[in-house]
């Protein structure tokens, strides 16, 4: 059984790992199909929220309204670090938060923060899992050794966390 301290430490580690990434894959459900797309990440650990700017003309907003359960997948192959976050998403037209999150990168998609098509997507994490591994070279050497010995390689820490 996980203690409250272990869970808090695990959640803090999830936020630290997520903070390494600018982009994650956002997976939504479209009927029976699962769809994922890259999204620019805005973390707000104090709010237990991950924010994204989205466009109301895209299908993901409709998918989220129909089924708010989403998955965020973060991957750093070079460091062998991975994070998967399951949570609940909501789309809003919070203009103040949209302006707060506006960046030069967003200008690639919209002319300004005042574009009426921009929406705020807020994901509230519920559960997460991380794999905090060795660097790629060390992990490759451990995998090669495991293949020769038949033993399972120790590639770092893996833990499920309640957010």
N, C-alpha and C. Protein backbone atom coordinates (compact mmCIF):
# COMPACT_ATOMS: atom_id res chain seq x y z
N UNK A 1 0.83 -1.18 0.00
CA UNK A 1 0.00 0.00 0.00
C UNK A 1 0.88 1.25 0.00
N UNK A 2 0.50 2.22 -0.78
CA UNK A 2 1.27 3.45 -0.89
C UNK A 2 0.87 4.41 0.22
N UNK A 3 1.87 4.97 0.89
CA UNK A 3 1.59 5.95 1.94
C UNK A 3 1.35 7.31 1.30
N UNK A 4 0.69 8.24 2.03
CA UNK A 4 0.49 9.60 1.48
C UNK A 4 1.81 10.28 1.11
N UNK A 5 2.86 10.06 1.91
CA UNK A 5 4.16 10.68 1.61
C UNK A 5 4.75 10.11 0.33
N UNK A 6 4.68 8.78 0.18
CA UNK A 6 5.19 8.15 -1.05
C UNK A 6 4.43 8.66 -2.26
N UNK A 7 3.12 8.79 -2.12
CA UNK A 7 2.30 9.27 -3.23
C UNK A 7 2.64 10.72 -3.57
N UNK A 8 2.81 11.57 -2.54
CA UNK A 8 3.18 12.98 -2.78
C UNK A 8 4.53 13.06 -3.47
N UNK A 9 5.50 12.26 -2.97
CA UNK A 9 6.83 12.24 -3.59
C UNK A 9 6.75 11.75 -5.03
N UNK A 10 5.92 10.73 -5.28
CA UNK A 10 5.74 10.22 -6.64
C UNK A 10 5.13 11.27 -7.55
N UNK A 11 4.11 11.99 -7.05
CA UNK A 11 3.47 13.03 -7.85
C UNK A 11 4.46 14.16 -8.15
N UNK A 12 5.27 14.53 -7.15
CA UNK A 12 6.28 15.57 -7.38
C UNK A 12 7.28 15.12 -8.44
N UNK A 13 7.63 13.85 -8.41
CA UNK A 13 8.57 13.32 -9.42
C UNK A 13 7.93 13.36 -10.81
N UNK A 14 6.64 13.04 -10.90
CA UNK A 14 5.93 13.12 -12.18
C UNK A 14 6.01 14.54 -12.72
N UNK A 15 5.72 15.53 -11.90
CA UNK A 15 5.76 16.93 -12.35
C UNK A 15 7.17 17.32 -12.79
N UNK A 16 8.19 16.87 -12.03
CA UNK A 16 9.59 17.17 -12.42
C UNK A 16 9.93 16.54 -13.76
N UNK A 17 9.52 15.30 -13.97
CA UNK A 17 9.79 14.65 -15.24
C UNK A 17 9.05 15.35 -16.38
N UNK A 18 7.76 15.68 -16.16
CA UNK A 18 6.99 16.35 -17.21
C UNK A 18 7.60 17.70 -17.57
N UNK A 19 8.23 18.34 -16.59
CA UNK A 19 8.81 19.66 -16.81
C UNK A 19 9.97 19.63 -17.81
N UNK A 20 10.48 18.45 -18.12
CA UNK A 20 11.57 18.31 -19.09
C UNK A 20 11.08 18.46 -20.53
N UNK A 21 9.79 18.41 -20.74
CA UNK A 21 9.24 18.33 -22.10
C UNK A 21 8.50 19.59 -22.50
N UNK A 22 8.61 19.95 -23.76
CA UNK A 22 7.84 21.06 -24.33
C UNK A 22 6.59 20.55 -25.03
N UNK A 23 6.68 19.30 -25.52
CA UNK A 23 5.62 18.70 -26.32
C UNK A 23 5.25 17.35 -25.72
N UNK A 24 3.97 17.01 -25.77
CA UNK A 24 3.55 15.66 -25.41
C UNK A 24 2.51 15.21 -26.43
N UNK A 25 2.23 13.93 -26.42
CA UNK A 25 1.17 13.40 -27.27
C UNK A 25 -0.11 13.37 -26.44
N UNK A 26 -1.14 14.01 -26.95
CA UNK A 26 -2.46 14.03 -26.31
C UNK A 26 -3.32 13.00 -27.03
N UNK A 27 -3.80 12.00 -26.29
CA UNK A 27 -4.65 10.96 -26.87
C UNK A 27 -6.08 11.14 -26.40
N UNK A 28 -6.99 11.15 -27.38
CA UNK A 28 -8.42 11.26 -27.10
C UNK A 28 -9.11 10.08 -27.76
N UNK A 29 -10.39 9.94 -27.44
CA UNK A 29 -11.16 8.85 -28.04
C UNK A 29 -12.18 9.43 -29.01
N UNK A 30 -12.20 8.87 -30.22
CA UNK A 30 -13.14 9.27 -31.27
C UNK A 30 -13.97 8.03 -31.60
N UNK A 31 -15.10 7.89 -30.94
CA UNK A 31 -15.88 6.66 -31.09
C UNK A 31 -15.09 5.52 -30.48
N UNK A 32 -14.75 4.53 -31.29
CA UNK A 32 -13.95 3.41 -30.79
C UNK A 32 -12.47 3.59 -31.10
N UNK A 33 -12.13 4.60 -31.87
CA UNK A 33 -10.73 4.85 -32.24
C UNK A 33 -10.07 5.77 -31.22
N UNK A 34 -8.79 5.52 -30.97
CA UNK A 34 -7.99 6.41 -30.12
C UNK A 34 -7.07 7.19 -31.03
N UNK A 35 -7.05 8.51 -30.84
CA UNK A 35 -6.25 9.39 -31.69
C UNK A 35 -5.28 10.18 -30.80
N UNK A 36 -4.06 10.33 -31.29
CA UNK A 36 -3.05 11.09 -30.55
C UNK A 36 -2.44 12.12 -31.47
N UNK A 37 -2.09 13.25 -30.88
CA UNK A 37 -1.44 14.32 -31.65
C UNK A 37 -0.51 15.09 -30.73
N UNK A 38 0.58 15.66 -31.30
CA UNK A 38 1.52 16.43 -30.48
C UNK A 38 0.92 17.78 -30.09
N UNK A 39 1.16 18.15 -28.85
CA UNK A 39 0.64 19.41 -28.32
C UNK A 39 1.71 20.09 -27.46
N UNK A 40 1.77 21.42 -27.52
CA UNK A 40 2.68 22.20 -26.68
C UNK A 40 2.13 22.24 -25.25
N UNK A 41 2.97 21.91 -24.29
CA UNK A 41 2.58 21.73 -22.90
C UNK A 41 2.78 22.99 -22.08
N UNK A 42 1.81 23.30 -21.22
CA UNK A 42 1.92 24.37 -20.22
C UNK A 42 1.56 23.74 -18.87
N UNK A 43 2.56 23.55 -18.03
CA UNK A 43 2.34 22.88 -16.75
C UNK A 43 1.97 23.87 -15.65
N UNK A 44 1.04 23.45 -14.79
CA UNK A 44 0.64 24.22 -13.62
C UNK A 44 0.50 23.26 -12.44
N UNK A 45 1.63 22.78 -11.88
CA UNK A 45 1.54 21.79 -10.80
C UNK A 45 0.76 22.28 -9.59
N UNK A 46 0.86 23.57 -9.24
CA UNK A 46 0.13 24.09 -8.08
C UNK A 46 -1.38 23.98 -8.27
N UNK A 47 -1.82 23.95 -9.54
CA UNK A 47 -3.25 23.81 -9.86
C UNK A 47 -3.61 22.36 -10.19
N UNK A 48 -2.62 21.46 -10.15
CA UNK A 48 -2.79 20.08 -10.62
C UNK A 48 -3.43 20.10 -12.01
N UNK A 49 -2.80 20.86 -12.90
CA UNK A 49 -3.35 21.03 -14.24
C UNK A 49 -2.25 21.09 -15.29
N UNK A 50 -2.58 20.54 -16.46
CA UNK A 50 -1.76 20.67 -17.65
C UNK A 50 -2.62 21.39 -18.67
N UNK A 51 -2.12 22.50 -19.20
CA UNK A 51 -2.89 23.32 -20.13
C UNK A 51 -2.33 23.22 -21.54
N UNK A 52 -3.24 23.40 -22.49
CA UNK A 52 -2.88 23.46 -23.90
C UNK A 52 -3.74 24.53 -24.56
N UNK A 53 -3.21 25.17 -25.58
CA UNK A 53 -4.03 26.01 -26.44
C UNK A 53 -4.48 25.13 -27.59
N UNK A 54 -5.75 25.23 -27.93
CA UNK A 54 -6.31 24.40 -28.99
C UNK A 54 -7.20 25.27 -29.87
N UNK A 55 -7.64 24.71 -30.96
CA UNK A 55 -8.47 25.44 -31.92
C UNK A 55 -9.85 24.81 -31.97
N UNK A 56 -10.87 25.61 -31.76
CA UNK A 56 -12.23 25.06 -31.71
C UNK A 56 -12.65 24.41 -33.03
N UNK A 57 -11.93 24.69 -34.11
CA UNK A 57 -12.29 24.11 -35.41
C UNK A 57 -11.72 22.71 -35.61
N UNK A 58 -10.98 22.21 -34.64
CA UNK A 58 -10.37 20.88 -34.76
C UNK A 58 -11.22 19.85 -34.04
N UNK A 59 -11.06 18.61 -34.45
CA UNK A 59 -11.91 17.53 -33.94
C UNK A 59 -11.64 17.15 -32.49
N UNK A 60 -10.44 17.41 -31.99
CA UNK A 60 -10.14 16.96 -30.63
C UNK A 60 -11.06 17.59 -29.60
N UNK A 61 -11.48 18.82 -29.83
CA UNK A 61 -12.38 19.47 -28.88
C UNK A 61 -13.71 18.72 -28.80
N UNK A 62 -14.25 18.32 -29.95
CA UNK A 62 -15.49 17.54 -29.97
C UNK A 62 -15.29 16.19 -29.30
N UNK A 63 -14.14 15.57 -29.53
CA UNK A 63 -13.85 14.27 -28.92
C UNK A 63 -13.81 14.39 -27.40
N UNK A 64 -13.22 15.47 -26.89
CA UNK A 64 -13.12 15.68 -25.45
C UNK A 64 -14.48 15.95 -24.83
N UNK A 65 -15.31 16.70 -25.52
CA UNK A 65 -16.67 16.94 -25.02
C UNK A 65 -17.42 15.61 -24.91
N UNK A 66 -17.26 14.73 -25.92
CA UNK A 66 -17.95 13.44 -25.92
C UNK A 66 -17.37 12.48 -24.88
N UNK A 67 -16.05 12.54 -24.66
CA UNK A 67 -15.40 11.66 -23.70
C UNK A 67 -14.19 12.41 -23.12
N UNK A 68 -14.31 12.93 -21.92
CA UNK A 68 -13.23 13.76 -21.35
C UNK A 68 -12.02 12.99 -20.83
N UNK A 69 -12.04 11.66 -20.89
CA UNK A 69 -10.89 10.88 -20.44
C UNK A 69 -9.80 10.92 -21.50
N UNK A 70 -8.61 11.39 -21.11
CA UNK A 70 -7.51 11.53 -22.05
C UNK A 70 -6.24 10.93 -21.46
N UNK A 71 -5.25 10.78 -22.32
CA UNK A 71 -3.92 10.33 -21.89
C UNK A 71 -2.89 11.29 -22.49
N UNK A 72 -1.93 11.67 -21.67
CA UNK A 72 -0.80 12.48 -22.10
C UNK A 72 0.43 11.59 -22.05
N UNK A 73 1.17 11.50 -23.16
CA UNK A 73 2.36 10.67 -23.21
C UNK A 73 3.58 11.53 -23.48
N UNK A 74 4.56 11.44 -22.58
CA UNK A 74 5.80 12.20 -22.67
C UNK A 74 6.93 11.20 -22.88
N UNK A 75 7.86 11.51 -23.79
CA UNK A 75 8.91 10.56 -24.11
C UNK A 75 10.23 11.26 -24.36
N UNK A 76 11.27 10.74 -23.71
CA UNK A 76 12.63 11.21 -23.95
C UNK A 76 13.49 9.98 -24.19
N UNK A 77 13.57 9.58 -25.44
CA UNK A 77 14.29 8.36 -25.80
C UNK A 77 15.77 8.45 -25.44
N UNK A 78 16.38 9.62 -25.58
CA UNK A 78 17.80 9.76 -25.26
C UNK A 78 18.08 9.47 -23.80
N UNK A 79 17.19 9.93 -22.91
CA UNK A 79 17.39 9.71 -21.48
C UNK A 79 16.66 8.49 -20.96
N UNK A 80 15.92 7.81 -21.84
CA UNK A 80 15.09 6.68 -21.44
C UNK A 80 14.16 7.06 -20.29
N UNK A 81 13.54 8.23 -20.39
CA UNK A 81 12.55 8.70 -19.42
C UNK A 81 11.21 8.81 -20.13
N UNK A 82 10.18 8.30 -19.46
CA UNK A 82 8.84 8.30 -20.06
C UNK A 82 7.82 8.58 -18.97
N UNK A 83 6.77 9.29 -19.33
CA UNK A 83 5.68 9.57 -18.40
C UNK A 83 4.37 9.40 -19.16
N UNK A 84 3.42 8.73 -18.53
CA UNK A 84 2.07 8.60 -19.07
C UNK A 84 1.11 9.10 -18.01
N UNK A 85 0.25 10.05 -18.38
CA UNK A 85 -0.69 10.65 -17.44
C UNK A 85 -2.11 10.42 -17.96
N UNK A 86 -2.95 9.85 -17.11
CA UNK A 86 -4.37 9.71 -17.43
C UNK A 86 -5.10 10.79 -16.66
N UNK A 87 -6.06 11.43 -17.32
CA UNK A 87 -6.78 12.50 -16.64
C UNK A 87 -8.07 12.86 -17.32
N UNK A 88 -8.68 13.90 -16.80
CA UNK A 88 -9.94 14.41 -17.33
C UNK A 88 -9.68 15.77 -17.98
N UNK A 89 -10.20 15.94 -19.18
CA UNK A 89 -9.98 17.17 -19.93
C UNK A 89 -11.27 17.98 -20.02
N UNK A 90 -11.09 19.29 -20.12
CA UNK A 90 -12.22 20.20 -20.32
C UNK A 90 -11.76 21.32 -21.25
N UNK A 91 -12.64 21.70 -22.15
CA UNK A 91 -12.37 22.79 -23.09
C UNK A 91 -13.13 24.02 -22.60
N UNK A 92 -12.44 25.18 -22.58
CA UNK A 92 -13.12 26.41 -22.16
C UNK A 92 -12.67 27.57 -23.04
N UNK A 93 -13.32 28.69 -22.84
CA UNK A 93 -13.00 29.91 -23.56
C UNK A 93 -12.50 30.96 -22.57
N UNK A 94 -11.62 30.54 -21.66
CA UNK A 94 -11.06 31.41 -20.63
C UNK A 94 -10.03 32.34 -21.28
N UNK A 95 -10.48 33.51 -21.70
CA UNK A 95 -9.62 34.43 -22.46
C UNK A 95 -8.43 34.91 -21.64
N UNK A 96 -8.60 35.10 -20.34
CA UNK A 96 -7.48 35.56 -19.51
C UNK A 96 -6.38 34.49 -19.47
N UNK A 97 -6.75 33.23 -19.32
CA UNK A 97 -5.75 32.15 -19.27
C UNK A 97 -5.11 31.96 -20.64
N UNK A 98 -5.90 32.11 -21.70
CA UNK A 98 -5.35 32.01 -23.05
C UNK A 98 -4.28 33.07 -23.25
N UNK A 99 -4.54 34.30 -22.82
CA UNK A 99 -3.55 35.37 -22.95
C UNK A 99 -2.33 35.10 -22.08
N UNK A 100 -2.54 34.52 -20.90
CA UNK A 100 -1.43 34.18 -20.01
C UNK A 100 -0.50 33.14 -20.66
N UNK A 101 -1.08 32.18 -21.39
CA UNK A 101 -0.30 31.11 -21.99
C UNK A 101 0.22 31.44 -23.39
N UNK A 102 -0.21 32.57 -23.94
CA UNK A 102 0.18 32.95 -25.29
C UNK A 102 1.70 33.03 -25.39
N UNK A 103 2.24 32.54 -26.51
CA UNK A 103 3.69 32.56 -26.72
C UNK A 103 3.97 32.77 -28.20
N UNK A 104 5.22 32.97 -28.49
CA UNK A 104 5.63 33.12 -29.88
C UNK A 104 5.30 31.86 -30.68
N UNK A 105 5.45 30.69 -30.05
CA UNK A 105 5.13 29.43 -30.74
C UNK A 105 3.64 29.38 -31.12
N UNK A 106 2.77 29.92 -30.30
CA UNK A 106 1.34 29.91 -30.61
C UNK A 106 1.04 30.75 -31.85
N UNK A 107 1.89 31.73 -32.11
CA UNK A 107 1.69 32.59 -33.28
C UNK A 107 1.79 31.81 -34.59
N UNK A 108 2.40 30.63 -34.54
CA UNK A 108 2.45 29.79 -35.74
C UNK A 108 1.06 29.30 -36.13
N UNK A 109 0.14 29.28 -35.16
CA UNK A 109 -1.20 28.74 -35.41
C UNK A 109 -2.28 29.82 -35.47
N UNK A 110 -2.07 30.92 -34.72
CA UNK A 110 -3.06 32.00 -34.68
C UNK A 110 -2.34 33.34 -34.76
N UNK A 111 -3.03 34.36 -35.26
CA UNK A 111 -2.42 35.68 -35.39
C UNK A 111 -2.16 36.35 -34.05
N UNK A 112 -3.08 36.15 -33.10
CA UNK A 112 -2.91 36.78 -31.79
C UNK A 112 -3.71 36.00 -30.76
N UNK A 113 -3.48 36.33 -29.51
CA UNK A 113 -4.23 35.69 -28.41
C UNK A 113 -5.71 36.04 -28.47
N UNK A 114 -6.06 37.04 -29.25
CA UNK A 114 -7.46 37.46 -29.37
C UNK A 114 -8.22 36.69 -30.45
N UNK A 115 -7.55 35.78 -31.14
CA UNK A 115 -8.23 34.99 -32.17
C UNK A 115 -9.43 34.27 -31.54
N UNK A 116 -10.62 34.45 -32.08
CA UNK A 116 -11.81 33.86 -31.46
C UNK A 116 -11.87 32.33 -31.55
N UNK A 117 -10.99 31.71 -32.33
CA UNK A 117 -10.99 30.24 -32.45
C UNK A 117 -10.14 29.54 -31.40
N UNK A 118 -9.32 30.29 -30.67
CA UNK A 118 -8.47 29.67 -29.65
C UNK A 118 -9.34 29.27 -28.46
N UNK A 119 -9.08 28.05 -27.99
CA UNK A 119 -9.72 27.56 -26.78
C UNK A 119 -8.64 27.06 -25.84
N UNK A 120 -9.00 26.99 -24.58
CA UNK A 120 -8.12 26.47 -23.55
C UNK A 120 -8.52 25.04 -23.24
N UNK A 121 -7.55 24.16 -23.28
CA UNK A 121 -7.78 22.77 -22.91
C UNK A 121 -7.05 22.55 -21.59
N UNK A 122 -7.80 22.15 -20.57
CA UNK A 122 -7.23 21.88 -19.25
C UNK A 122 -7.36 20.40 -18.97
N UNK A 123 -6.24 19.76 -18.66
CA UNK A 123 -6.24 18.36 -18.26
C UNK A 123 -5.90 18.30 -16.78
N UNK A 124 -6.78 17.66 -16.02
CA UNK A 124 -6.55 17.42 -14.60
C UNK A 124 -6.05 15.99 -14.45
N UNK A 125 -4.77 15.81 -14.10
CA UNK A 125 -4.23 14.47 -13.96
C UNK A 125 -4.92 13.70 -12.82
N UNK A 126 -5.16 12.42 -13.07
CA UNK A 126 -5.75 11.54 -12.06
C UNK A 126 -4.73 10.47 -11.66
N UNK A 127 -4.18 9.79 -12.63
CA UNK A 127 -3.17 8.76 -12.41
C UNK A 127 -2.02 8.99 -13.37
N UNK A 128 -0.84 8.54 -12.97
CA UNK A 128 0.31 8.65 -13.85
C UNK A 128 1.24 7.46 -13.61
N UNK A 129 2.10 7.24 -14.56
CA UNK A 129 3.13 6.22 -14.43
C UNK A 129 4.39 6.78 -15.06
N UNK A 130 5.52 6.52 -14.41
CA UNK A 130 6.77 6.98 -14.99
C UNK A 130 7.78 5.86 -15.07
N UNK A 131 8.67 6.02 -16.01
CA UNK A 131 9.83 5.18 -16.19
C UNK A 131 11.00 6.14 -16.23
N UNK A 132 11.78 6.18 -15.17
CA UNK A 132 12.91 7.10 -15.05
C UNK A 132 14.16 6.26 -15.21
N UNK A 133 14.74 6.28 -16.40
CA UNK A 133 15.80 5.35 -16.73
C UNK A 133 17.18 5.94 -16.79
N UNK A 134 18.07 5.06 -17.17
CA UNK A 134 19.46 5.43 -17.40
C UNK A 134 19.55 6.19 -18.73
N UNK A 135 20.73 6.72 -19.01
CA UNK A 135 20.87 7.33 -20.33
C UNK A 135 20.89 6.21 -21.38
N UNK A 136 20.71 6.58 -22.61
CA UNK A 136 20.51 5.62 -23.70
C UNK A 136 21.69 4.65 -23.86
N UNK A 137 22.90 5.11 -23.72
CA UNK A 137 24.08 4.25 -23.90
C UNK A 137 24.13 3.19 -22.80
N UNK A 138 23.92 3.61 -21.55
CA UNK A 138 23.95 2.66 -20.43
C UNK A 138 22.80 1.66 -20.57
N UNK A 139 21.60 2.15 -20.92
CA UNK A 139 20.46 1.26 -21.08
C UNK A 139 20.73 0.23 -22.18
N UNK A 140 21.34 0.65 -23.27
CA UNK A 140 21.67 -0.28 -24.36
C UNK A 140 22.65 -1.34 -23.90
N UNK A 141 23.64 -0.94 -23.12
CA UNK A 141 24.62 -1.91 -22.61
C UNK A 141 23.94 -2.90 -21.66
N UNK A 142 23.05 -2.43 -20.80
CA UNK A 142 22.34 -3.32 -19.88
C UNK A 142 21.44 -4.29 -20.64
N UNK A 143 20.81 -3.81 -21.71
CA UNK A 143 19.94 -4.68 -22.50
C UNK A 143 20.76 -5.75 -23.22
N UNK A 144 21.92 -5.37 -23.72
CA UNK A 144 22.79 -6.35 -24.39
C UNK A 144 23.27 -7.40 -23.40
N UNK A 145 23.65 -6.97 -22.20
CA UNK A 145 24.09 -7.91 -21.16
C UNK A 145 22.94 -8.85 -20.78
N UNK A 146 21.74 -8.30 -20.66
CA UNK A 146 20.58 -9.12 -20.30
C UNK A 146 20.28 -10.14 -21.39
N UNK A 147 20.45 -9.75 -22.64
CA UNK A 147 20.21 -10.67 -23.75
C UNK A 147 21.20 -11.83 -23.70
N UNK A 148 22.42 -11.57 -23.26
CA UNK A 148 23.43 -12.63 -23.20
C UNK A 148 23.25 -13.52 -21.98
N UNK A 149 22.79 -12.94 -20.86
CA UNK A 149 22.68 -13.72 -19.63
C UNK A 149 21.29 -14.31 -19.43
N UNK A 150 20.30 -13.79 -20.15
CA UNK A 150 18.93 -14.26 -19.96
C UNK A 150 18.24 -13.63 -18.77
N UNK A 151 18.89 -12.68 -18.11
CA UNK A 151 18.29 -12.00 -16.96
C UNK A 151 17.61 -10.71 -17.42
N UNK A 152 16.62 -10.31 -16.67
CA UNK A 152 15.90 -9.07 -16.98
C UNK A 152 16.76 -7.87 -16.59
N UNK A 153 16.91 -6.87 -17.49
CA UNK A 153 17.76 -5.71 -17.17
C UNK A 153 17.07 -4.75 -16.20
N UNK A 154 17.88 -4.12 -15.34
CA UNK A 154 17.38 -3.05 -14.48
C UNK A 154 17.60 -1.75 -15.24
N UNK A 155 16.51 -1.20 -15.80
CA UNK A 155 16.62 0.00 -16.64
C UNK A 155 16.17 1.26 -15.94
N UNK A 156 16.04 1.23 -14.62
CA UNK A 156 15.63 2.42 -13.89
C UNK A 156 14.38 2.15 -13.08
N UNK A 157 13.78 3.22 -12.61
CA UNK A 157 12.61 3.11 -11.75
C UNK A 157 11.32 3.26 -12.54
N UNK A 158 10.35 2.43 -12.17
CA UNK A 158 9.01 2.49 -12.75
C UNK A 158 8.02 2.50 -11.60
N UNK A 159 7.09 3.47 -11.63
CA UNK A 159 6.12 3.54 -10.54
C UNK A 159 4.81 4.13 -11.04
N UNK A 160 3.70 3.61 -10.52
CA UNK A 160 2.38 4.18 -10.75
C UNK A 160 2.07 5.13 -9.61
N UNK A 161 1.47 6.27 -9.94
CA UNK A 161 1.23 7.32 -8.95
C UNK A 161 -0.19 7.83 -9.07
N UNK A 162 -0.86 8.01 -7.97
CA UNK A 162 -2.16 8.68 -7.93
C UNK A 162 -1.90 10.17 -7.80
N UNK A 163 -2.40 10.94 -8.73
CA UNK A 163 -2.13 12.37 -8.74
C UNK A 163 -3.14 13.10 -7.87
